[in-house]
Amino acid sequence: MVTHQQTPIRIGVLGTHSTGKTTLLKRIQMELRGHGLTVARTGRLAKRAAAIGLPKMQHHTAASTEWIITQGIADDIAAAAQGADVVLVDRASFDALAYYHAALEDRGEHAHRLERERLRLLASTQAPKYDLLLATVLDPDVPVDPSHDYDHRYRLLVDRHVHGLLAEDGIPHQRVTSDHESQARAIERALQLCLQEAAV
């Protein structure tokens, strides 16, 4: 017997570390659940990669990047299979690619052209699946939790690569700054999108 599941609404977020991605998704999740929608959320990819011995941050490799992208795809499929109305994707596919490109630049290295193209193609296969893509913007004036030992230069590189990749590929997205109004607009847009779809 073949069953047909309704495709959930997918909202992805990406951006450099400590720019409020997870907090933003938690706020969207709370609003959606408050309106009676079922929500699944993916995430913790970098921590899970590190737990199996893959490098992260400035040490990203083609292998760690590929694992994060493909694991993110698998998590997305698994969340959708649970029948949620909305899937919130913490670290959309281009996020891993931006981290990798930033790591290469930080180390002064260059990946083989075919390897870069292969990873970019893998990430780009997911772009059409997002109904809304939110890209956080680094505000260097916002202090970082002192318990996080972040390399400021690397954070800037990731931010530049995130927005550069989105612009180069013409991927529709909404920029989200640390400003309260910008955050509120992103949450409102997500809410309107999901409620409109739920009403159809």
N, C-alpha and C. Protein backbone atom coordinates (compact mmCIF):
# COMPACT_ATOMS: atom_id res chain seq x y z
N MET A 1 0.84 -1.18 0.00
CA MET A 1 0.00 0.00 0.00
C MET A 1 0.88 1.25 0.00
N VAL A 2 0.58 2.21 -0.86
CA VAL A 2 1.36 3.44 -0.95
C VAL A 2 0.62 4.53 -0.20
N THR A 3 1.33 5.22 0.67
CA THR A 3 0.72 6.35 1.38
C THR A 3 1.38 7.63 0.91
N HIS A 4 0.60 8.70 0.88
CA HIS A 4 1.11 9.99 0.43
C HIS A 4 1.07 10.97 1.60
N GLN A 5 2.25 11.43 2.00
CA GLN A 5 2.32 12.40 3.08
C GLN A 5 2.36 13.80 2.49
N GLN A 6 1.72 14.71 3.20
CA GLN A 6 1.78 16.10 2.77
C GLN A 6 3.19 16.63 3.06
N THR A 7 3.75 17.35 2.10
CA THR A 7 5.09 17.91 2.28
C THR A 7 5.05 19.02 3.32
N PRO A 8 5.92 18.95 4.34
CA PRO A 8 5.90 20.01 5.35
C PRO A 8 6.53 21.30 4.83
N ILE A 9 6.25 22.38 5.51
CA ILE A 9 6.91 23.65 5.21
C ILE A 9 8.30 23.55 5.82
N ARG A 10 9.31 23.97 5.05
CA ARG A 10 10.68 23.91 5.54
C ARG A 10 11.23 25.33 5.69
N ILE A 11 11.71 25.62 6.87
CA ILE A 11 12.34 26.91 7.15
C ILE A 11 13.77 26.63 7.58
N GLY A 12 14.72 27.15 6.82
CA GLY A 12 16.12 26.93 7.13
C GLY A 12 16.78 28.19 7.66
N VAL A 13 17.77 28.01 8.51
CA VAL A 13 18.55 29.14 9.00
C VAL A 13 20.02 28.82 8.83
N LEU A 14 20.80 29.84 8.50
CA LEU A 14 22.24 29.68 8.38
C LEU A 14 22.92 30.99 8.75
N GLY A 15 24.20 30.89 9.06
CA GLY A 15 24.96 32.07 9.46
C GLY A 15 26.13 31.66 10.31
N THR A 16 27.03 32.59 10.54
CA THR A 16 28.20 32.28 11.35
C THR A 16 27.80 32.03 12.79
N HIS A 17 28.69 31.44 13.58
CA HIS A 17 28.38 31.05 14.94
C HIS A 17 28.12 32.24 15.85
N SER A 18 27.24 31.99 16.82
CA SER A 18 26.83 32.98 17.82
C SER A 18 26.21 34.23 17.19
N THR A 19 25.34 34.00 16.21
CA THR A 19 24.57 35.11 15.64
C THR A 19 23.07 34.91 15.86
N GLY A 20 22.72 33.99 16.76
CA GLY A 20 21.33 33.84 17.16
C GLY A 20 20.49 32.88 16.34
N LYS A 21 21.12 31.99 15.59
CA LYS A 21 20.35 31.07 14.73
C LYS A 21 19.43 30.17 15.56
N THR A 22 19.99 29.49 16.54
CA THR A 22 19.21 28.54 17.33
C THR A 22 18.14 29.26 18.13
N THR A 23 18.47 30.41 18.70
CA THR A 23 17.49 31.19 19.46
C THR A 23 16.34 31.63 18.57
N LEU A 24 16.66 32.06 17.36
CA LEU A 24 15.64 32.49 16.41
C LEU A 24 14.70 31.32 16.09
N LEU A 25 15.26 30.15 15.82
CA LEU A 25 14.42 28.99 15.51
C LEU A 25 13.57 28.58 16.71
N LYS A 26 14.09 28.70 17.91
CA LYS A 26 13.31 28.38 19.11
C LYS A 26 12.11 29.31 19.24
N ARG A 27 12.32 30.59 18.93
CA ARG A 27 11.22 31.56 19.00
C ARG A 27 10.17 31.27 17.93
N ILE A 28 10.63 30.91 16.72
CA ILE A 28 9.69 30.56 15.65
C ILE A 28 8.92 29.30 16.04
N GLN A 29 9.62 28.33 16.59
CA GLN A 29 8.98 27.08 17.01
C GLN A 29 7.89 27.35 18.06
N MET A 30 8.20 28.20 19.01
CA MET A 30 7.23 28.52 20.07
C MET A 30 5.98 29.19 19.48
N GLU A 31 6.19 30.13 18.55
CA GLU A 31 5.05 30.81 17.92
C GLU A 31 4.18 29.83 17.13
N LEU A 32 4.83 28.96 16.36
CA LEU A 32 4.09 28.02 15.53
C LEU A 32 3.29 27.03 16.38
N ARG A 33 3.93 26.53 17.43
CA ARG A 33 3.23 25.60 18.32
C ARG A 33 2.07 26.29 19.03
N GLY A 34 2.24 27.57 19.32
CA GLY A 34 1.17 28.34 19.94
C GLY A 34 -0.05 28.46 19.04
N HIS A 35 0.15 28.30 17.74
CA HIS A 35 -0.95 28.34 16.77
C HIS A 35 -1.40 26.94 16.37
N GLY A 36 -0.97 25.93 17.11
CA GLY A 36 -1.45 24.57 16.90
C GLY A 36 -0.76 23.78 15.82
N LEU A 37 0.38 24.26 15.31
CA LEU A 37 1.11 23.53 14.28
C LEU A 37 2.13 22.59 14.92
N THR A 38 2.34 21.44 14.30
CA THR A 38 3.36 20.52 14.79
C THR A 38 4.68 20.89 14.13
N VAL A 39 5.72 20.92 14.94
CA VAL A 39 7.03 21.40 14.47
C VAL A 39 8.13 20.40 14.83
N ALA A 40 8.98 20.11 13.85
CA ALA A 40 10.17 19.30 14.09
C ALA A 40 11.37 20.19 13.81
N ARG A 41 12.45 19.99 14.59
CA ARG A 41 13.63 20.82 14.40
C ARG A 41 14.87 19.94 14.29
N THR A 42 15.73 20.26 13.32
CA THR A 42 16.99 19.55 13.17
C THR A 42 18.11 20.41 13.73
N GLY A 43 19.28 19.82 13.92
CA GLY A 43 20.40 20.63 14.40
C GLY A 43 21.49 19.83 15.06
N ARG A 44 22.38 20.55 15.74
CA ARG A 44 23.53 19.99 16.46
C ARG A 44 24.46 19.19 15.56
N LEU A 45 24.52 19.57 14.29
CA LEU A 45 25.32 18.82 13.32
C LEU A 45 26.82 18.90 13.61
N ALA A 46 27.32 20.10 13.91
CA ALA A 46 28.76 20.25 14.16
C ALA A 46 29.19 19.46 15.39
N LYS A 47 28.37 19.48 16.44
CA LYS A 47 28.71 18.73 17.65
C LYS A 47 28.69 17.23 17.38
N ARG A 48 27.73 16.79 16.60
CA ARG A 48 27.65 15.37 16.28
C ARG A 48 28.82 14.95 15.39
N ALA A 49 29.22 15.84 14.48
CA ALA A 49 30.39 15.53 13.64
C ALA A 49 31.65 15.40 14.49
N ALA A 50 31.80 16.33 15.43
CA ALA A 50 32.98 16.29 16.31
C ALA A 50 32.98 15.03 17.17
N ALA A 51 31.78 14.59 17.56
CA ALA A 51 31.66 13.40 18.42
C ALA A 51 32.13 12.13 17.72
N ILE A 52 32.12 12.13 16.39
CA ILE A 52 32.60 10.94 15.66
C ILE A 52 34.01 11.16 15.10
N GLY A 53 34.64 12.26 15.56
CA GLY A 53 36.03 12.48 15.21
C GLY A 53 36.29 13.36 14.00
N LEU A 54 35.24 14.00 13.47
CA LEU A 54 35.43 14.89 12.32
C LEU A 54 35.81 16.29 12.80
N PRO A 55 36.66 16.99 12.06
CA PRO A 55 37.08 18.33 12.47
C PRO A 55 35.96 19.36 12.28
N LYS A 56 36.07 20.48 12.99
CA LYS A 56 35.08 21.55 12.82
C LYS A 56 35.78 22.90 12.85
N MET A 57 34.98 23.94 12.67
CA MET A 57 35.45 25.32 12.64
C MET A 57 36.59 25.48 11.62
N GLN A 58 37.72 26.10 12.05
CA GLN A 58 38.81 26.38 11.12
C GLN A 58 39.44 25.12 10.54
N HIS A 59 39.12 23.98 11.12
CA HIS A 59 39.74 22.72 10.72
C HIS A 59 38.87 21.91 9.77
N HIS A 60 37.74 22.48 9.34
CA HIS A 60 36.83 21.76 8.44
C HIS A 60 37.57 21.22 7.22
N THR A 61 37.15 20.03 6.79
CA THR A 61 37.70 19.40 5.60
C THR A 61 36.55 19.10 4.64
N ALA A 62 36.89 18.62 3.47
CA ALA A 62 35.85 18.21 2.51
C ALA A 62 35.00 17.10 3.13
N ALA A 63 35.64 16.17 3.84
CA ALA A 63 34.92 15.04 4.44
C ALA A 63 33.94 15.50 5.52
N SER A 64 34.39 16.40 6.40
CA SER A 64 33.49 16.87 7.46
C SER A 64 32.34 17.68 6.89
N THR A 65 32.64 18.44 5.84
CA THR A 65 31.60 19.24 5.18
C THR A 65 30.56 18.34 4.52
N GLU A 66 31.04 17.32 3.83
CA GLU A 66 30.12 16.38 3.17
C GLU A 66 29.26 15.66 4.20
N TRP A 67 29.86 15.26 5.32
CA TRP A 67 29.09 14.57 6.36
C TRP A 67 28.00 15.47 6.90
N ILE A 68 28.33 16.74 7.18
CA ILE A 68 27.35 17.66 7.75
C ILE A 68 26.20 17.91 6.76
N ILE A 69 26.53 18.10 5.49
CA ILE A 69 25.48 18.34 4.50
C ILE A 69 24.58 17.11 4.37
N THR A 70 25.18 15.94 4.22
CA THR A 70 24.38 14.73 4.00
C THR A 70 23.61 14.33 5.26
N GLN A 71 24.20 14.53 6.43
CA GLN A 71 23.49 14.22 7.67
C GLN A 71 22.32 15.19 7.85
N GLY A 72 22.54 16.44 7.45
CA GLY A 72 21.46 17.43 7.51
C GLY A 72 20.30 17.03 6.60
N ILE A 73 20.64 16.53 5.42
CA ILE A 73 19.60 16.06 4.49
C ILE A 73 18.84 14.89 5.11
N ALA A 74 19.57 13.94 5.69
CA ALA A 74 18.93 12.78 6.31
C ALA A 74 18.04 13.20 7.48
N ASP A 75 18.52 14.14 8.30
CA ASP A 75 17.72 14.62 9.43
C ASP A 75 16.44 15.30 8.96
N ASP A 76 16.55 16.08 7.89
CA ASP A 76 15.41 16.77 7.31
C ASP A 76 14.36 15.75 6.84
N ILE A 77 14.81 14.72 6.13
CA ILE A 77 13.90 13.67 5.63
C ILE A 77 13.24 12.95 6.80
N ALA A 78 14.03 12.64 7.83
CA ALA A 78 13.49 11.94 9.00
C ALA A 78 12.45 12.80 9.72
N ALA A 79 12.72 14.09 9.84
CA ALA A 79 11.77 14.99 10.51
C ALA A 79 10.47 15.08 9.72
N ALA A 80 10.59 15.17 8.39
CA ALA A 80 9.40 15.23 7.53
C ALA A 80 8.59 13.95 7.62
N ALA A 81 9.28 12.82 7.75
CA ALA A 81 8.60 11.52 7.81
C ALA A 81 7.76 11.36 9.07
N GLN A 82 8.08 12.16 10.08
CA GLN A 82 7.31 12.09 11.33
C GLN A 82 5.95 12.77 11.20
N GLY A 83 5.74 13.44 10.06
CA GLY A 83 4.44 14.06 9.82
C GLY A 83 4.27 15.47 10.36
N ALA A 84 5.37 16.15 10.67
CA ALA A 84 5.28 17.52 11.20
C ALA A 84 4.73 18.47 10.13
N ASP A 85 4.03 19.49 10.57
CA ASP A 85 3.54 20.52 9.65
C ASP A 85 4.70 21.37 9.15
N VAL A 86 5.68 21.59 10.04
CA VAL A 86 6.81 22.46 9.74
C VAL A 86 8.11 21.80 10.18
N VAL A 87 9.13 21.87 9.34
CA VAL A 87 10.47 21.42 9.72
C VAL A 87 11.38 22.64 9.77
N LEU A 88 11.98 22.86 10.92
CA LEU A 88 12.93 23.97 11.11
C LEU A 88 14.34 23.38 10.99
N VAL A 89 15.08 23.86 10.02
CA VAL A 89 16.40 23.31 9.73
C VAL A 89 17.48 24.24 10.29
N ASP A 90 18.09 23.82 11.39
CA ASP A 90 19.16 24.60 12.01
C ASP A 90 20.46 24.26 11.28
N ARG A 91 20.94 25.18 10.49
CA ARG A 91 22.12 25.05 9.62
C ARG A 91 21.72 24.43 8.28
N ALA A 92 21.09 25.25 7.46
CA ALA A 92 20.73 24.84 6.11
C ALA A 92 22.00 24.47 5.34
N SER A 93 21.84 23.72 4.26
CA SER A 93 22.97 23.07 3.58
C SER A 93 24.13 24.00 3.21
N PHE A 94 23.86 25.23 2.79
CA PHE A 94 24.94 26.12 2.39
C PHE A 94 25.79 26.58 3.58
N ASP A 95 25.27 26.41 4.78
CA ASP A 95 26.00 26.78 5.99
C ASP A 95 27.32 26.01 6.07
N ALA A 96 27.24 24.69 5.88
CA ALA A 96 28.45 23.86 5.97
C ALA A 96 29.46 24.24 4.90
N LEU A 97 28.96 24.56 3.73
CA LEU A 97 29.85 24.94 2.63
C LEU A 97 30.57 26.25 2.95
N ALA A 98 29.85 27.20 3.53
CA ALA A 98 30.45 28.49 3.90
C ALA A 98 31.54 28.28 4.96
N TYR A 99 31.28 27.40 5.93
CA TYR A 99 32.28 27.12 6.96
C TYR A 99 33.53 26.50 6.35
N TYR A 100 33.33 25.63 5.38
CA TYR A 100 34.47 24.99 4.71
C TYR A 100 35.28 26.00 3.91
N HIS A 101 34.60 26.82 3.13
CA HIS A 101 35.32 27.83 2.34
C HIS A 101 36.07 28.79 3.26
N ALA A 102 35.44 29.15 4.38
CA ALA A 102 36.10 30.05 5.34
C ALA A 102 37.32 29.36 5.96
N ALA A 103 37.20 28.07 6.25
CA ALA A 103 38.33 27.33 6.83
C ALA A 103 39.50 27.27 5.85
N LEU A 104 39.20 27.03 4.59
CA LEU A 104 40.26 27.00 3.58
C LEU A 104 40.96 28.35 3.50
N GLU A 105 40.17 29.42 3.46
CA GLU A 105 40.77 30.76 3.39
C GLU A 105 41.59 31.06 4.64
N ASP A 106 41.06 30.67 5.79
CA ASP A 106 41.75 30.91 7.05
C ASP A 106 43.11 30.22 7.08
N ARG A 107 43.18 29.02 6.50
CA ARG A 107 44.42 28.24 6.49
C ARG A 107 45.30 28.55 5.28
N GLY A 108 44.80 29.38 4.37
CA GLY A 108 45.56 29.70 3.17
C GLY A 108 45.66 28.53 2.22
N GLU A 109 44.62 27.70 2.21
CA GLU A 109 44.62 26.51 1.36
C GLU A 109 43.60 26.64 0.24
N HIS A 110 43.74 25.78 -0.75
CA HIS A 110 42.79 25.73 -1.86
C HIS A 110 42.41 24.28 -2.10
N ALA A 111 41.10 24.04 -2.18
CA ALA A 111 40.63 22.68 -2.49
C ALA A 111 40.68 22.48 -4.00
N HIS A 112 40.75 21.24 -4.41
CA HIS A 112 40.71 20.92 -5.83
C HIS A 112 39.37 21.42 -6.39
N ARG A 113 39.41 21.97 -7.59
CA ARG A 113 38.21 22.56 -8.20
C ARG A 113 37.04 21.59 -8.25
N LEU A 114 37.30 20.34 -8.63
CA LEU A 114 36.22 19.36 -8.73
C LEU A 114 35.61 19.05 -7.37
N GLU A 115 36.45 19.06 -6.33
CA GLU A 115 35.95 18.81 -4.97
C GLU A 115 35.04 19.96 -4.52
N ARG A 116 35.46 21.18 -4.78
CA ARG A 116 34.63 22.33 -4.41
C ARG A 116 33.31 22.32 -5.17
N GLU A 117 33.37 21.99 -6.46
CA GLU A 117 32.15 21.98 -7.27
C GLU A 117 31.21 20.86 -6.82
N ARG A 118 31.77 19.73 -6.46
CA ARG A 118 30.96 18.60 -6.01
C ARG A 118 30.20 18.96 -4.73
N LEU A 119 30.89 19.57 -3.77
CA LEU A 119 30.25 19.95 -2.51
C LEU A 119 29.22 21.05 -2.72
N ARG A 120 29.54 21.98 -3.62
CA ARG A 120 28.58 23.06 -3.90
C ARG A 120 27.32 22.51 -4.55
N LEU A 121 27.49 21.57 -5.45
CA LEU A 121 26.34 20.95 -6.10
C LEU A 121 25.49 20.20 -5.08
N LEU A 122 26.15 19.49 -4.17
CA LEU A 122 25.44 18.75 -3.13
C LEU A 122 24.60 19.71 -2.27
N ALA A 123 25.21 20.81 -1.86
CA ALA A 123 24.47 21.79 -1.05
C ALA A 123 23.33 22.42 -1.83
N SER A 124 23.57 22.71 -3.11
CA SER A 124 22.56 23.41 -3.91
C SER A 124 21.34 22.55 -4.21
N THR A 125 21.47 21.22 -4.11
CA THR A 125 20.30 20.37 -4.35
C THR A 125 19.21 20.61 -3.32
N GLN A 126 19.58 21.16 -2.18
CA GLN A 126 18.60 21.36 -1.10
C GLN A 126 17.91 22.72 -1.16
N ALA A 127 18.50 23.67 -1.87
CA ALA A 127 17.96 25.04 -1.90
C ALA A 127 16.48 25.11 -2.27
N PRO A 128 16.02 24.36 -3.30
CA PRO A 128 14.60 24.47 -3.67
C PRO A 128 13.63 23.93 -2.61
N LYS A 129 14.14 23.17 -1.65
CA LYS A 129 13.27 22.59 -0.63
C LYS A 129 12.85 23.59 0.44
N TYR A 130 13.61 24.67 0.58
CA TYR A 130 13.29 25.63 1.64
C TYR A 130 12.20 26.59 1.19
N ASP A 131 11.15 26.66 1.98
CA ASP A 131 10.08 27.63 1.71
C ASP A 131 10.50 29.02 2.19
N LEU A 132 11.38 29.04 3.18
CA LEU A 132 11.91 30.29 3.71
C LEU A 132 13.32 30.01 4.22
N LEU A 133 14.24 30.88 3.82
CA LEU A 133 15.63 30.75 4.25
C LEU A 133 16.02 32.03 4.96
N LEU A 134 16.47 31.89 6.20
CA LEU A 134 16.86 33.04 7.02
C LEU A 134 18.37 33.01 7.23
N ALA A 135 19.04 34.09 6.86
CA ALA A 135 20.49 34.17 6.99
C ALA A 135 20.85 35.23 8.02
N THR A 136 21.40 34.79 9.14
CA THR A 136 21.78 35.75 10.18
C THR A 136 23.02 36.53 9.75
N VAL A 137 23.10 37.75 10.23
CA VAL A 137 24.19 38.66 9.88
C VAL A 137 25.03 38.93 11.12
N LEU A 138 26.33 38.80 10.98
CA LEU A 138 27.23 39.04 12.11
C LEU A 138 27.27 40.52 12.46
N ASP A 139 27.03 40.82 13.74
CA ASP A 139 27.20 42.17 14.26
C ASP A 139 28.41 42.11 15.19
N PRO A 140 29.56 42.64 14.75
CA PRO A 140 30.77 42.53 15.57
C PRO A 140 30.69 43.28 16.90
N ASP A 141 29.68 44.15 17.04
CA ASP A 141 29.53 44.90 18.30
C ASP A 141 28.78 44.11 19.37
N VAL A 142 28.13 43.01 18.96
CA VAL A 142 27.41 42.19 19.94
C VAL A 142 28.42 41.25 20.59
N PRO A 143 28.56 41.33 21.92
CA PRO A 143 29.56 40.49 22.60
C PRO A 143 29.22 39.00 22.50
N VAL A 144 30.28 38.19 22.44
CA VAL A 144 30.14 36.73 22.40
C VAL A 144 30.30 36.19 23.81
N ASP A 145 29.58 35.16 24.12
CA ASP A 145 29.70 34.50 25.42
C ASP A 145 31.18 34.19 25.67
N PRO A 146 31.75 34.71 26.77
CA PRO A 146 33.19 34.50 27.02
C PRO A 146 33.59 33.04 27.18
N SER A 147 32.62 32.16 27.44
CA SER A 147 32.95 30.73 27.56
C SER A 147 33.21 30.10 26.20
N HIS A 148 32.85 30.82 25.12
CA HIS A 148 33.12 30.33 23.76
C HIS A 148 34.43 30.92 23.26
N ASP A 149 35.36 30.07 22.99
CA ASP A 149 36.68 30.52 22.55
C ASP A 149 36.68 30.61 21.01
N TYR A 150 36.09 31.70 20.51
CA TYR A 150 35.95 31.85 19.06
C TYR A 150 37.04 32.72 18.47
N ASP A 151 37.46 32.37 17.30
CA ASP A 151 38.41 33.16 16.53
C ASP A 151 37.62 34.22 15.77
N HIS A 152 37.85 35.48 16.12
CA HIS A 152 37.06 36.57 15.53
C HIS A 152 37.22 36.63 14.01
N ARG A 153 38.44 36.45 13.53
CA ARG A 153 38.67 36.50 12.09
C ARG A 153 37.89 35.41 11.37
N TYR A 154 37.88 34.22 11.95
CA TYR A 154 37.17 33.11 11.31
C TYR A 154 35.65 33.37 11.28
N ARG A 155 35.12 33.93 12.36
CA ARG A 155 33.68 34.27 12.37
C ARG A 155 33.36 35.23 11.22
N LEU A 156 34.21 36.22 11.01
CA LEU A 156 34.00 37.18 9.92
C LEU A 156 34.07 36.50 8.57
N LEU A 157 35.02 35.58 8.41
CA LEU A 157 35.15 34.86 7.15
C LEU A 157 33.90 34.03 6.86
N VAL A 158 33.40 33.34 7.87
CA VAL A 158 32.19 32.53 7.67
C VAL A 158 31.03 33.43 7.27
N ASP A 159 30.87 34.54 7.96
CA ASP A 159 29.78 35.47 7.64
C ASP A 159 29.86 35.92 6.18
N ARG A 160 31.07 36.27 5.74
CA ARG A 160 31.26 36.73 4.36
C ARG A 160 30.94 35.61 3.36
N HIS A 161 31.38 34.40 3.66
CA HIS A 161 31.13 33.29 2.75
C HIS A 161 29.65 32.89 2.72
N VAL A 162 28.98 32.94 3.86
CA VAL A 162 27.53 32.63 3.87
C VAL A 162 26.79 33.53 2.91
N HIS A 163 26.98 34.84 3.09
CA HIS A 163 26.22 35.79 2.28
C HIS A 163 26.72 35.83 0.84
N GLY A 164 28.01 35.55 0.65
CA GLY A 164 28.55 35.48 -0.70
C GLY A 164 27.98 34.32 -1.50
N LEU A 165 27.89 33.15 -0.88
CA LEU A 165 27.34 31.98 -1.56
C LEU A 165 25.87 32.19 -1.94
N LEU A 166 25.11 32.75 -1.03
CA LEU A 166 23.69 33.00 -1.30
C LEU A 166 23.52 33.98 -2.46
N ALA A 167 24.36 35.02 -2.46
CA ALA A 167 24.27 36.03 -3.53
C ALA A 167 24.71 35.45 -4.88
N GLU A 168 25.82 34.72 -4.87
CA GLU A 168 26.35 34.15 -6.12
C GLU A 168 25.36 33.21 -6.79
N ASP A 169 24.66 32.42 -5.98
CA ASP A 169 23.72 31.45 -6.54
C ASP A 169 22.30 32.00 -6.65
N GLY A 170 22.12 33.27 -6.29
CA GLY A 170 20.81 33.89 -6.40
C GLY A 170 19.75 33.17 -5.58
N ILE A 171 20.11 32.72 -4.40
CA ILE A 171 19.18 31.97 -3.56
C ILE A 171 18.33 32.94 -2.74
N PRO A 172 17.01 32.90 -2.89
CA PRO A 172 16.14 33.80 -2.13
C PRO A 172 16.29 33.55 -0.63
N HIS A 173 16.46 34.62 0.12
CA HIS A 173 16.60 34.51 1.56
C HIS A 173 16.29 35.84 2.21
N GLN A 174 16.11 35.82 3.50
CA GLN A 174 15.89 37.04 4.28
C GLN A 174 17.06 37.19 5.24
N ARG A 175 17.69 38.35 5.17
CA ARG A 175 18.79 38.64 6.10
C ARG A 175 18.19 39.00 7.46
N VAL A 176 18.79 38.47 8.52
CA VAL A 176 18.31 38.73 9.87
C VAL A 176 19.47 39.26 10.70
N THR A 177 19.35 40.50 11.14
CA THR A 177 20.39 41.11 11.96
C THR A 177 20.09 40.88 13.44
N SER A 178 20.96 41.38 14.30
CA SER A 178 20.76 41.24 15.74
C SER A 178 19.70 42.21 16.26
N ASP A 179 19.27 43.13 15.40
CA ASP A 179 18.26 44.11 15.78
C ASP A 179 16.93 43.43 16.12
N HIS A 180 16.29 43.89 17.17
CA HIS A 180 15.03 43.28 17.63
C HIS A 180 13.96 43.30 16.53
N GLU A 181 13.88 44.40 15.80
CA GLU A 181 12.86 44.51 14.74
C GLU A 181 13.14 43.53 13.60
N SER A 182 14.39 43.33 13.26
CA SER A 182 14.76 42.39 12.21
C SER A 182 14.37 40.97 12.62
N GLN A 183 14.62 40.63 13.87
CA GLN A 183 14.25 39.32 14.40
C GLN A 183 12.73 39.15 14.37
N ALA A 184 12.02 40.18 14.79
CA ALA A 184 10.56 40.12 14.83
C ALA A 184 9.98 39.96 13.42
N ARG A 185 10.57 40.63 12.43
CA ARG A 185 10.10 40.50 11.04
C ARG A 185 10.29 39.07 10.53
N ALA A 186 11.42 38.47 10.89
CA ALA A 186 11.69 37.09 10.46
C ALA A 186 10.68 36.13 11.07
N ILE A 187 10.40 36.31 12.35
CA ILE A 187 9.43 35.45 13.03
C ILE A 187 8.04 35.64 12.44
N GLU A 188 7.68 36.88 12.19
CA GLU A 188 6.36 37.18 11.61
C GLU A 188 6.23 36.59 10.21
N ARG A 189 7.29 36.68 9.42
CA ARG A 189 7.22 36.12 8.07
C ARG A 189 7.06 34.61 8.12
N ALA A 190 7.79 33.97 9.01
CA ALA A 190 7.69 32.51 9.16
C ALA A 190 6.27 32.12 9.59
N LEU A 191 5.74 32.87 10.53
CA LEU A 191 4.40 32.59 11.05
C LEU A 191 3.34 32.76 9.96
N GLN A 192 3.42 33.86 9.22
CA GLN A 192 2.45 34.10 8.15
C GLN A 192 2.51 33.01 7.08
N LEU A 193 3.72 32.64 6.69
CA LEU A 193 3.90 31.59 5.69
C LEU A 193 3.25 30.29 6.13
N CYS A 194 3.52 29.89 7.36
CA CYS A 194 3.02 28.61 7.86
C CYS A 194 1.50 28.63 8.06
N LEU A 195 0.99 29.73 8.55
CA LEU A 195 -0.47 29.82 8.76
C LEU A 195 -1.22 29.86 7.44
N GLN A 196 -0.65 30.52 6.44
CA GLN A 196 -1.27 30.56 5.11
C GLN A 196 -1.32 29.16 4.52
N GLU A 197 -0.21 28.43 4.64
CA GLU A 197 -0.16 27.07 4.10
C GLU A 197 -1.11 26.14 4.84
N ALA A 198 -1.19 26.34 6.17
CA ALA A 198 -2.07 25.48 6.98
C ALA A 198 -3.53 25.71 6.64
N ALA A 199 -3.84 26.94 6.17
CA ALA A 199 -5.23 27.28 5.84
C ALA A 199 -5.67 26.74 4.49
N VAL A 200 -4.69 26.33 3.65
CA VAL A 200 -5.02 25.85 2.29
C VAL A 200 -5.61 24.44 2.35
